[in-house]
Protein backbone atom coordinates (compact mmCIF):
# COMPACT_ATOMS: atom_id res chain seq x y z
CA MET A 1 153.25 144.59 98.57
CA CYS A 2 151.89 141.82 96.11
CA ALA A 3 149.38 139.08 96.24
CA GLU A 4 151.65 136.06 96.60
CA LYS A 5 154.39 137.76 99.44
CA ILE A 6 151.06 138.52 101.23
CA GLN A 7 149.62 134.94 101.06
CA ARG A 8 153.17 133.62 102.24
CA PHE A 9 153.06 135.92 105.37
CA LEU A 10 149.44 134.77 105.56
CA MET A 11 150.35 131.05 105.65
CA ALA A 12 153.20 131.84 107.84
CA ALA A 13 151.09 133.77 110.36
CA VAL A 14 148.27 131.08 110.61
CA LEU A 15 150.83 128.38 111.50
CA THR A 16 152.49 130.34 114.03
CA ILE A 17 149.01 130.37 115.58
CA ALA A 18 148.59 127.07 115.31
CA LEU A 19 152.06 126.39 116.74
CA PHE A 20 151.28 128.70 119.90
CA LEU A 21 147.99 127.20 120.53
CA PHE A 22 149.63 123.86 120.63
CA ALA A 23 151.87 125.06 123.01
CA ASP A 24 149.03 126.35 125.30
CA GLY A 25 147.15 123.05 125.20
CA GLU A 26 144.33 124.34 122.91
CA MET A 27 144.78 121.18 120.73
CA LEU A 28 141.40 121.25 119.11
CA TYR A 29 141.48 124.69 117.84
CA ALA A 30 145.17 123.89 116.86
CA MET A 31 144.34 120.99 114.84
CA ILE A 32 141.43 122.59 113.30
CA LEU A 33 143.71 125.59 112.18
CA GLN A 34 146.20 123.09 110.91
CA THR A 35 143.83 121.25 108.88
CA LEU A 36 142.52 124.09 106.99
CA VAL A 37 145.94 125.02 105.81
CA ILE A 38 146.91 121.59 104.98
CA VAL A 39 143.69 121.48 102.73
CA MET A 40 144.26 124.91 101.10
CA VAL A 41 147.66 123.63 100.07
CA ILE A 42 146.49 119.89 98.75
CA VAL A 43 143.89 121.66 96.58
CA TRP A 44 146.63 124.15 95.30
CA ALA A 45 149.07 121.65 94.57
CA LEU A 46 146.17 119.25 93.01
CA PHE A 47 144.15 122.03 90.97
CA ASP A 48 147.00 124.89 90.94
CA PHE A 49 144.39 127.08 92.82
CA CYS A 50 144.61 128.82 95.97
CA PRO A 51 141.27 130.43 96.95
CA SER A 52 143.34 132.86 99.14
CA LEU A 53 145.62 133.81 96.62
CA TRP A 54 142.96 134.54 94.05
CA ILE A 55 140.89 136.71 96.56
CA PHE A 56 144.64 138.41 96.99
CA LYS A 57 145.42 139.13 92.98
CA ARG A 58 142.24 140.73 92.45
CA VAL A 59 142.66 143.02 95.54
CA PHE A 60 146.26 143.69 95.29
CA GLY A 61 147.46 142.27 91.73
CA LYS A 62 150.20 139.97 90.89
CA CYS A 63 153.88 140.33 91.88
CA PRO A 64 156.27 141.58 89.40
CA GLN A 65 158.09 138.91 87.22
CA LYS A 66 162.09 138.52 88.20
CA ASP A 67 164.37 138.39 85.24
């Protein structure tokens, strides 16, 4: 698996965990987790840099380009 796909799965997993924390009444932890994801996406949008994607590309390599 390549870096971009792993990063998308990781983001989905983190948001799912935040959803379950909200459902379980753990509002503080859910809000902290969701805020971290939001900040990461804003940094990615503003500077075209995602720290997790940068690490995953070094470890797993880039996805091959589709035609």
